[in-house]
Amino acid sequence: MTEYRASFDAAIAFSNGGDLTVHGFRVDLPGPDTAEPDIAALFVASLGLLMTDTVELANVQIFPEPHKGTRGGPSDPRHNREPEPGDGRGRLVELSHLPQEGGTYLEAPGGDLGAVELVKSVDLPAVVVRVTGARRSPIGVGSLAPFDVRGHAVLLHTGVREGHCLASDAAAWLVANGAVLVGTDADGLDDCAHEARPARESLLGGGVPVVERLTGLERLPPTGALFTAAPPRLLGVGRVPVRAYARLPLA
């Protein structure tokens, strides 16, 4: 089977300031028709660049060449590996607000909490994506691409109640890359100034539960914790308060 790679120049701007320019960079591709946004995401993932705001590609060339094992690419040995659940003996961290503080909520795909499987809400390997201190702009694919999200709960640590919404293409990227739950410490994933909820709708439409108004995410490591937010089995009910918590990895 023919394998493909891409060569390109790239200019990156970071959400906390600064930029980076590269020339003639190469990444493995899943196929010859890989779109430029996907190439940009592979580039960010390959370098593990955090808080990436924008990526502009130029001089993109796609050609047949054996894969070199690009991190996050189709030949990365982690790509098809199941996430490790851990041994479950670490310290517990409270991540939910009290009801008088507004509570923490889980919304179920299809508006049916009874259909939320335990494998999508209990002891999920967590990835914490920190955008605290960044400009209050939509969280894009560039902020997510450095992380292996397949089989994980992706927790967005914004540090604010509103202002850091999730871009709709980033939500679609999370679905396509196998995230099983998405949470945020903000009041919602979308811009509260608008009625449309494209990020939430994209996630729920892709079968991914959403947890909003988390707290305490600053106490979690970027990876290694196990996240739980199990809702009651209520048929025909779509959104309820939940007790969310995480179990830290052993030191």
C-alpha atoms as a PDB file:
ATOM      1  CA  MET A   1       0.000   0.000   0.000  1.00  0.00           C
ATOM      2  CA  THR A   2       1.394   3.375  -1.029  1.00  0.00           C
ATOM      3  CA  GLU A   3       2.100   5.778   1.836  1.00  0.00           C
ATOM      4  CA  TYR A   4       2.111   9.551   1.500  1.00  0.00           C
ATOM      5  CA  ARG A   5       3.810  12.500   3.135  1.00  0.00           C
ATOM      6  CA  ALA A   6       3.542  16.268   2.815  1.00  0.00           C
ATOM      7  CA  SER A   7       6.162  18.997   2.661  1.00  0.00           C
ATOM      8  CA  PHE A   8       5.245  22.601   3.461  1.00  0.00           C
ATOM      9  CA  ASP A   9       6.193  25.931   4.963  1.00  0.00           C
ATOM     10  CA  ALA A  10       4.233  27.069   8.021  1.00  0.00           C
ATOM     11  CA  ALA A  11       3.693  30.186  10.114  1.00  0.00           C
ATOM     12  CA  ILE A  12       2.269  29.676  13.613  1.00  0.00           C
ATOM     13  CA  ALA A  13       0.865  32.261  16.015  1.00  0.00           C
ATOM     14  CA  PHE A  14       0.410  31.325  19.671  1.00  0.00           C
ATOM     15  CA  SER A  15      -2.568  32.408  21.743  1.00  0.00           C
ATOM     16  CA  ASN A  16      -0.324  33.599  24.589  1.00  0.00           C
ATOM     17  CA  GLY A  17       1.955  35.586  22.274  1.00  0.00           C
ATOM     18  CA  GLY A  18       4.882  34.753  20.009  1.00  0.00           C
ATOM     19  CA  ASP A  19       5.154  32.981  16.690  1.00  0.00           C
ATOM     20  CA  LEU A  20       7.112  30.311  14.853  1.00  0.00           C
ATOM     21  CA  THR A  21       8.038  29.855  11.199  1.00  0.00           C
ATOM     22  CA  VAL A  22       9.289  26.664   9.557  1.00  0.00           C
ATOM     23  CA  HIS A  23      10.302  25.782   6.016  1.00  0.00           C
ATOM     24  CA  GLY A  24      10.204  22.442   4.253  1.00  0.00           C
ATOM     25  CA  PHE A  25       8.649  20.584   7.170  1.00  0.00           C
ATOM     26  CA  ARG A  26       7.384  17.054   6.480  1.00  0.00           C
ATOM     27  CA  VAL A  27       4.671  14.909   8.068  1.00  0.00           C
ATOM     28  CA  ASP A  28       3.119  11.519   7.363  1.00  0.00           C
ATOM     29  CA  LEU A  29      -0.360  11.631   5.822  1.00  0.00           C
ATOM     30  CA  PRO A  30      -3.253   9.156   5.921  1.00  0.00           C
ATOM     31  CA  GLY A  31      -3.746   9.575   2.169  1.00  0.00           C
ATOM     32  CA  PRO A  32      -3.050  11.708  -0.907  1.00  0.00           C
ATOM     33  CA  ASP A  33      -6.243  13.757  -0.539  1.00  0.00           C
ATOM     34  CA  THR A  34      -5.551  15.020   3.003  1.00  0.00           C
ATOM     35  CA  ALA A  35      -6.895  18.571   3.356  1.00  0.00           C
ATOM     36  CA  GLU A  36      -4.675  21.450   4.462  1.00  0.00           C
ATOM     37  CA  PRO A  37      -6.428  21.936   7.839  1.00  0.00           C
ATOM     38  CA  ASP A  38      -5.708  18.282   8.624  1.00  0.00           C
ATOM     39  CA  ILE A  39      -2.085  18.696   7.559  1.00  0.00           C
ATOM     40  CA  ALA A  40      -1.837  21.715   9.865  1.00  0.00           C
ATOM     41  CA  ALA A  41      -3.252  19.663  12.751  1.00  0.00           C
ATOM     42  CA  LEU A  42      -0.749  16.876  12.077  1.00  0.00           C
ATOM     43  CA  PHE A  43       2.054  19.451  12.072  1.00  0.00           C
ATOM     44  CA  VAL A  44       1.008  20.842  15.461  1.00  0.00           C
ATOM     45  CA  ALA A  45       0.617  17.333  16.878  1.00  0.00           C
ATOM     46  CA  SER A  46       4.006  16.234  15.587  1.00  0.00           C
ATOM     47  CA  LEU A  47       5.753  18.976  17.567  1.00  0.00           C
ATOM     48  CA  GLY A  48       3.414  18.929  20.569  1.00  0.00           C
ATOM     49  CA  LEU A  49       2.885  22.687  20.298  1.00  0.00           C
ATOM     50  CA  LEU A  50       0.621  24.020  23.045  1.00  0.00           C
ATOM     51  CA  MET A  51      -1.672  27.074  22.874  1.00  0.00           C
ATOM     52  CA  THR A  52      -1.464  27.289  19.089  1.00  0.00           C
ATOM     53  CA  ASP A  53      -3.833  29.960  17.803  1.00  0.00           C
ATOM     54  CA  THR A  54      -3.424  29.925  14.020  1.00  0.00           C
ATOM     55  CA  VAL A  55      -1.428  27.900  11.504  1.00  0.00           C
ATOM     56  CA  GLU A  56      -0.924  29.110   7.945  1.00  0.00           C
ATOM     57  CA  LEU A  57       0.552  26.703   5.406  1.00  0.00           C
ATOM     58  CA  ALA A  58       2.251  27.542   2.128  1.00  0.00           C
ATOM     59  CA  ASN A  59       3.954  25.597  -0.652  1.00  0.00           C
ATOM     60  CA  VAL A  60       2.164  22.378   0.292  1.00  0.00           C
ATOM     61  CA  GLN A  61       3.290  19.353  -1.691  1.00  0.00           C
ATOM     62  CA  ILE A  62       1.918  15.826  -1.249  1.00  0.00           C
ATOM     63  CA  PHE A  63       3.949  12.931  -2.581  1.00  0.00           C
ATOM     64  CA  PRO A  64       4.363   9.164  -2.164  1.00  0.00           C
ATOM     65  CA  GLU A  65       6.993   8.320   0.433  1.00  0.00           C
ATOM     66  CA  PRO A  66       7.208   5.735   3.220  1.00  0.00           C
ATOM     67  CA  HIS A  67       6.006   7.000   6.578  1.00  0.00           C
ATOM     68  CA  LYS A  68       8.597   8.024   9.139  1.00  0.00           C
ATOM     69  CA  GLY A  69       6.348   7.654  12.209  1.00  0.00           C
ATOM     70  CA  THR A  70       5.191  11.260  12.625  1.00  0.00           C
ATOM     71  CA  ARG A  71       3.865  11.784  16.143  1.00  0.00           C
ATOM     72  CA  GLY A  72       0.068  11.859  15.935  1.00  0.00           C
ATOM     73  CA  GLY A  73       0.172  10.588  12.364  1.00  0.00           C
ATOM     74  CA  PRO A  74      -1.250   7.431  10.803  1.00  0.00           C
ATOM     75  CA  SER A  75       1.885   5.387  11.562  1.00  0.00           C
ATOM     76  CA  ASP A  76       2.295   6.613  15.136  1.00  0.00           C
ATOM     77  CA  PRO A  77       2.170   3.432  17.263  1.00  0.00           C
ATOM     78  CA  ARG A  78      -0.090   5.282  19.718  1.00  0.00           C
ATOM     79  CA  HIS A  79      -2.712   5.846  17.019  1.00  0.00           C
ATOM     80  CA  ASN A  80      -4.489   2.512  17.427  1.00  0.00           C
ATOM     81  CA  ARG A  81      -3.549   1.891  21.041  1.00  0.00           C
ATOM     82  CA  GLU A  82      -6.247   1.800  23.687  1.00  0.00           C
ATOM     83  CA  PRO A  83      -5.760   4.429  26.416  1.00  0.00           C
ATOM     84  CA  GLU A  84      -4.327   3.053  29.617  1.00  0.00           C
ATOM     85  CA  PRO A  85      -6.885   3.176  32.433  1.00  0.00           C
ATOM     86  CA  GLY A  86      -4.364   3.376  35.273  1.00  0.00           C
ATOM     87  CA  ASP A  87      -4.621   1.485  38.543  1.00  0.00           C
ATOM     88  CA  GLY A  88      -7.245   3.780  40.086  1.00  0.00           C
ATOM     89  CA  ARG A  89      -5.561   4.281  43.475  1.00  0.00           C
ATOM     90  CA  GLY A  90      -4.660   7.966  43.235  1.00  0.00           C
ATOM     91  CA  ARG A  91      -6.053  10.888  45.222  1.00  0.00           C
ATOM     92  CA  LEU A  92      -9.539  12.185  44.352  1.00  0.00           C
ATOM     93  CA  VAL A  93     -10.094  15.787  43.236  1.00  0.00           C
ATOM     94  CA  GLU A  94     -13.501  17.468  43.381  1.00  0.00           C
ATOM     95  CA  LEU A  95     -14.441  19.080  40.054  1.00  0.00           C
ATOM     96  CA  SER A  96     -18.088  20.048  40.566  1.00  0.00           C
ATOM     97  CA  HIS A  97     -19.747  23.183  41.910  1.00  0.00           C
ATOM     98  CA  LEU A  98     -22.260  23.069  44.729  1.00  0.00           C
ATOM     99  CA  PRO A  99     -25.906  23.611  43.674  1.00  0.00           C
ATOM    100  CA  GLN A 100     -25.962  27.026  45.359  1.00  0.00           C
ATOM    101  CA  GLU A 101     -22.941  27.936  43.227  1.00  0.00           C
ATOM    102  CA  GLY A 102     -24.810  27.051  40.061  1.00  0.00           C
ATOM    103  CA  GLY A 103     -23.900  23.385  39.833  1.00  0.00           C
ATOM    104  CA  THR A 104     -22.036  21.351  37.217  1.00  0.00           C
ATOM    105  CA  TYR A 105     -24.037  19.829  34.370  1.00  0.00           C
ATOM    106  CA  LEU A 106     -23.803  16.956  31.921  1.00  0.00           C
ATOM    107  CA  GLU A 107     -25.739  16.997  28.660  1.00  0.00           C
ATOM    108  CA  ALA A 108     -26.381  13.737  26.859  1.00  0.00           C
ATOM    109  CA  PRO A 109     -26.347  13.022  23.121  1.00  0.00           C
ATOM    110  CA  GLY A 110     -29.852  12.641  21.778  1.00  0.00           C
ATOM    111  CA  GLY A 111     -31.300  14.257  24.896  1.00  0.00           C
ATOM    112  CA  ASP A 112     -31.368  10.881  26.651  1.00  0.00           C
ATOM    113  CA  LEU A 113     -29.304  10.329  29.786  1.00  0.00           C
ATOM    114  CA  GLY A 114     -30.474   6.744  29.878  1.00  0.00           C
ATOM    115  CA  ALA A 115     -28.350   6.033  26.823  1.00  0.00           C
ATOM    116  CA  VAL A 116     -25.077   7.371  28.270  1.00  0.00           C
ATOM    117  CA  GLU A 117     -22.861   4.330  28.736  1.00  0.00           C
ATOM    118  CA  LEU A 118     -20.573   4.041  31.744  1.00  0.00           C
ATOM    119  CA  VAL A 119     -17.604   3.765  29.396  1.00  0.00           C
ATOM    120  CA  LYS A 120     -18.360   7.348  28.353  1.00  0.00           C
ATOM    121  CA  SER A 121     -18.653   8.815  31.834  1.00  0.00           C
ATOM    122  CA  VAL A 122     -16.628   6.812  34.386  1.00  0.00           C
ATOM    123  CA  ASP A 123     -12.848   6.565  34.877  1.00  0.00           C
ATOM    124  CA  LEU A 124     -12.055   8.172  31.547  1.00  0.00           C
ATOM    125  CA  PRO A 125      -8.395   8.955  30.867  1.00  0.00           C
ATOM    126  CA  ALA A 126      -8.336  12.749  30.872  1.00  0.00           C
ATOM    127  CA  VAL A 127      -6.545  15.291  28.731  1.00  0.00           C
ATOM    128  CA  VAL A 128      -6.518  18.815  30.182  1.00  0.00           C
ATOM    129  CA  VAL A 129      -6.174  21.510  27.525  1.00  0.00           C
ATOM    130  CA  ARG A 130      -5.113  24.752  29.190  1.00  0.00           C
ATOM    131  CA  VAL A 131      -5.934  28.061  27.520  1.00  0.00           C
ATOM    132  CA  THR A 132      -5.697  30.177  30.655  1.00  0.00           C
ATOM    133  CA  GLY A 133      -3.953  33.449  29.925  1.00  0.00           C
ATOM    134  CA  ALA A 134      -4.676  33.220  26.213  1.00  0.00           C
ATOM    135  CA  ARG A 135      -6.576  35.835  24.271  1.00  0.00           C
ATOM    136  CA  ARG A 136     -10.298  35.227  24.561  1.00  0.00           C
ATOM    137  CA  SER A 137     -10.847  33.798  21.129  1.00  0.00           C
ATOM    138  CA  PRO A 138     -12.352  30.491  20.012  1.00  0.00           C
ATOM    139  CA  ILE A 139     -10.377  27.421  21.035  1.00  0.00           C
ATOM    140  CA  GLY A 140      -9.279  25.963  17.717  1.00  0.00           C
ATOM    141  CA  VAL A 141      -7.849  22.711  16.449  1.00  0.00           C
ATOM    142  CA  GLY A 142      -4.354  24.068  17.063  1.00  0.00           C
ATOM    143  CA  SER A 143      -4.922  23.996  20.822  1.00  0.00           C
ATOM    144  CA  LEU A 144      -6.145  20.389  20.679  1.00  0.00           C
ATOM    145  CA  ALA A 145      -3.916  18.767  18.075  1.00  0.00           C
ATOM    146  CA  PRO A 146      -0.889  18.218  20.368  1.00  0.00           C
ATOM    147  CA  PHE A 147      -2.939  15.762  22.425  1.00  0.00           C
ATOM    148  CA  ASP A 148      -3.947  12.170  21.804  1.00  0.00           C
ATOM    149  CA  VAL A 149      -7.688  12.534  22.480  1.00  0.00           C
ATOM    150  CA  ARG A 150      -8.894   9.134  21.290  1.00  0.00           C
ATOM    151  CA  GLY A 151     -10.748   7.390  24.100  1.00  0.00           C
ATOM    152  CA  HIS A 152     -10.237  10.367  26.431  1.00  0.00           C
ATOM    153  CA  ALA A 153     -12.252  12.979  28.256  1.00  0.00           C
ATOM    154  CA  VAL A 154     -11.024  16.320  26.926  1.00  0.00           C
ATOM    155  CA  LEU A 155     -11.263  18.982  29.643  1.00  0.00           C
ATOM    156  CA  LEU A 156     -10.906  22.626  28.595  1.00  0.00           C
ATOM    157  CA  HIS A 157      -9.299  24.687  31.350  1.00  0.00           C
ATOM    158  CA  THR A 158     -10.145  28.297  30.490  1.00  0.00           C
ATOM    159  CA  GLY A 159     -10.022  29.912  33.922  1.00  0.00           C
ATOM    160  CA  VAL A 160     -13.037  32.087  33.055  1.00  0.00           C
ATOM    161  CA  ARG A 161     -16.800  31.641  33.104  1.00  0.00           C
ATOM    162  CA  GLU A 162     -17.239  32.923  29.556  1.00  0.00           C
ATOM    163  CA  GLY A 163     -15.155  34.184  26.668  1.00  0.00           C
ATOM    164  CA  HIS A 164     -13.276  31.023  25.638  1.00  0.00           C
ATOM    165  CA  CYS A 165     -15.697  29.194  23.364  1.00  0.00           C
ATOM    166  CA  LEU A 166     -14.879  26.089  21.331  1.00  0.00           C
ATOM    167  CA  ALA A 167     -14.666  26.602  17.573  1.00  0.00           C
ATOM    168  CA  SER A 168     -17.081  24.473  15.574  1.00  0.00           C
ATOM    169  CA  ASP A 169     -14.281  22.926  13.500  1.00  0.00           C
ATOM    170  CA  ALA A 170     -12.458  22.049  16.726  1.00  0.00           C
ATOM    171  CA  ALA A 171     -15.584  20.291  18.007  1.00  0.00           C
ATOM    172  CA  ALA A 172     -15.807  18.343  14.750  1.00  0.00           C
ATOM    173  CA  TRP A 173     -12.106  17.469  15.080  1.00  0.00           C
ATOM    174  CA  LEU A 174     -12.700  16.068  18.578  1.00  0.00           C
ATOM    175  CA  VAL A 175     -15.512  13.862  17.282  1.00  0.00           C
ATOM    176  CA  ALA A 176     -13.465  12.683  14.307  1.00  0.00           C
ATOM    177  CA  ASN A 177     -10.475  11.890  16.519  1.00  0.00           C
ATOM    178  CA  GLY A 178     -12.386   9.799  19.020  1.00  0.00           C
ATOM    179  CA  ALA A 179     -12.864  11.971  22.119  1.00  0.00           C
ATOM    180  CA  VAL A 180     -15.500  10.297  24.318  1.00  0.00           C
ATOM    181  CA  LEU A 181     -16.461  13.302  26.484  1.00  0.00           C
ATOM    182  CA  VAL A 182     -15.731  17.033  26.442  1.00  0.00           C
ATOM    183  CA  GLY A 183     -15.840  19.226  29.528  1.00  0.00           C
ATOM    184  CA  THR A 184     -15.169  22.869  30.304  1.00  0.00           C
ATOM    185  CA  ASP A 185     -14.931  25.095  33.360  1.00  0.00           C
ATOM    186  CA  ALA A 186     -16.796  27.807  31.451  1.00  0.00           C
ATOM    187  CA  ASP A 187     -20.567  28.229  31.516  1.00  0.00           C
ATOM    188  CA  GLY A 188     -20.773  26.679  28.059  1.00  0.00           C
ATOM    189  CA  LEU A 189     -18.776  25.581  25.047  1.00  0.00           C
ATOM    190  CA  ASP A 190     -20.253  28.207  22.731  1.00  0.00           C
ATOM    191  CA  ASP A 191     -20.293  31.991  22.684  1.00  0.00           C
ATOM    192  CA  CYS A 192     -23.021  32.977  25.131  1.00  0.00           C
ATOM    193  CA  ALA A 193     -23.615  36.185  23.157  1.00  0.00           C
ATOM    194  CA  HIS A 194     -25.174  34.164  20.332  1.00  0.00           C
ATOM    195  CA  GLU A 195     -28.129  31.803  20.317  1.00  0.00           C
ATOM    196  CA  ALA A 196     -26.447  29.281  18.016  1.00  0.00           C
ATOM    197  CA  ARG A 197     -24.591  26.446  19.742  1.00  0.00           C
ATOM    198  CA  PRO A 198     -22.528  24.878  16.927  1.00  0.00           C
ATOM    199  CA  ALA A 199     -19.835  23.298  19.111  1.00  0.00           C
ATOM    200  CA  ARG A 200     -22.284  21.686  21.506  1.00  0.00           C
ATOM    201  CA  GLU A 201     -24.479  20.487  18.651  1.00  0.00           C
ATOM    202  CA  SER A 202     -21.493  19.023  16.818  1.00  0.00           C
ATOM    203  CA  LEU A 203     -20.333  17.093  19.875  1.00  0.00           C
ATOM    204  CA  LEU A 204     -23.756  15.848  20.909  1.00  0.00           C
ATOM    205  CA  GLY A 205     -24.558  14.971  17.305  1.00  0.00           C
ATOM    206  CA  GLY A 206     -21.365  12.914  17.227  1.00  0.00           C
ATOM    207  CA  GLY A 207     -22.347  10.990  20.351  1.00  0.00           C
ATOM    208  CA  VAL A 208     -20.043  12.881  22.727  1.00  0.00           C
ATOM    209  CA  PRO A 209     -21.473  13.927  26.130  1.00  0.00           C
ATOM    210  CA  VAL A 210     -20.727  17.475  27.282  1.00  0.00           C
ATOM    211  CA  VAL A 211     -19.953  18.605  30.842  1.00  0.00           C
ATOM    212  CA  GLU A 212     -20.103  22.323  31.654  1.00  0.00           C
ATOM    213  CA  ARG A 213     -19.166  24.485  34.651  1.00  0.00           C
ATOM    214  CA  LEU A 214     -16.399  22.287  36.024  1.00  0.00           C
ATOM    215  CA  THR A 215     -14.076  23.613  38.701  1.00  0.00           C
ATOM    216  CA  GLY A 216     -10.647  22.660  40.027  1.00  0.00           C
ATOM    217  CA  LEU A 217      -9.091  21.815  36.658  1.00  0.00           C
ATOM    218  CA  GLU A 218      -5.929  23.654  37.704  1.00  0.00           C
ATOM    219  CA  ARG A 219      -5.299  20.776  40.125  1.00  0.00           C
ATOM    220  CA  LEU A 220      -5.110  18.181  37.358  1.00  0.00           C
ATOM    221  CA  PRO A 221      -2.027  17.259  35.325  1.00  0.00           C
ATOM    222  CA  PRO A 222      -2.231  17.592  31.523  1.00  0.00           C
ATOM    223  CA  THR A 223      -2.558  13.806  31.242  1.00  0.00           C
ATOM    224  CA  GLY A 224      -2.755  10.831  33.564  1.00  0.00           C
ATOM    225  CA  ALA A 225      -5.858  11.585  35.649  1.00  0.00           C
ATOM    226  CA  LEU A 226      -9.103   9.614  35.427  1.00  0.00           C
ATOM    227  CA  PHE A 227     -12.302  11.652  35.041  1.00  0.00           C
ATOM    228  CA  THR A 228     -15.798  10.682  36.177  1.00  0.00           C
ATOM    229  CA  ALA A 229     -19.134  12.469  35.723  1.00  0.00           C
ATOM    230  CA  ALA A 230     -21.754   9.718  35.750  1.00  0.00           C
ATOM    231  CA  PRO A 231     -25.348  10.921  35.302  1.00  0.00           C
ATOM    232  CA  PRO A 232     -28.443   9.085  36.559  1.00  0.00           C
ATOM    233  CA  ARG A 233     -30.186   6.812  34.050  1.00  0.00           C
ATOM    234  CA  LEU A 234     -33.157   9.013  33.192  1.00  0.00           C
ATOM    235  CA  LEU A 235     -34.883   8.156  29.939  1.00  0.00           C
ATOM    236  CA  GLY A 236     -35.893  11.161  27.887  1.00  0.00           C
ATOM    237  CA  VAL A 237     -33.988  13.643  30.073  1.00  0.00           C
ATOM    238  CA  GLY A 238     -31.093  15.413  28.408  1.00  0.00           C
ATOM    239  CA  ARG A 239     -29.321  17.561  31.006  1.00  0.00           C
ATOM    240  CA  VAL A 240     -28.795  17.150  34.759  1.00  0.00           C
ATOM    241  CA  PRO A 241     -26.435  18.236  37.537  1.00  0.00           C
ATOM    242  CA  VAL A 242     -23.619  15.749  38.119  1.00  0.00           C
ATOM    243  CA  ARG A 243     -20.915  15.095  40.683  1.00  0.00           C
ATOM    244  CA  ALA A 244     -17.716  15.333  38.677  1.00  0.00           C
ATOM    245  CA  TYR A 245     -14.353  14.310  40.060  1.00  0.00           C
ATOM    246  CA  ALA A 246     -10.954  13.065  38.973  1.00  0.00           C
ATOM    247  CA  ARG A 247      -8.529  10.532  40.346  1.00  0.00           C
ATOM    248  CA  LEU A 248      -4.927  11.666  40.135  1.00  0.00           C
ATOM    249  CA  PRO A 249      -2.179   9.319  38.997  1.00  0.00           C
ATOM    250  CA  LEU A 250       0.066   7.906  41.667  1.00  0.00           C
ATOM    251  CA  ALA A 251       3.203   9.942  42.242  1.00  0.00           C
END
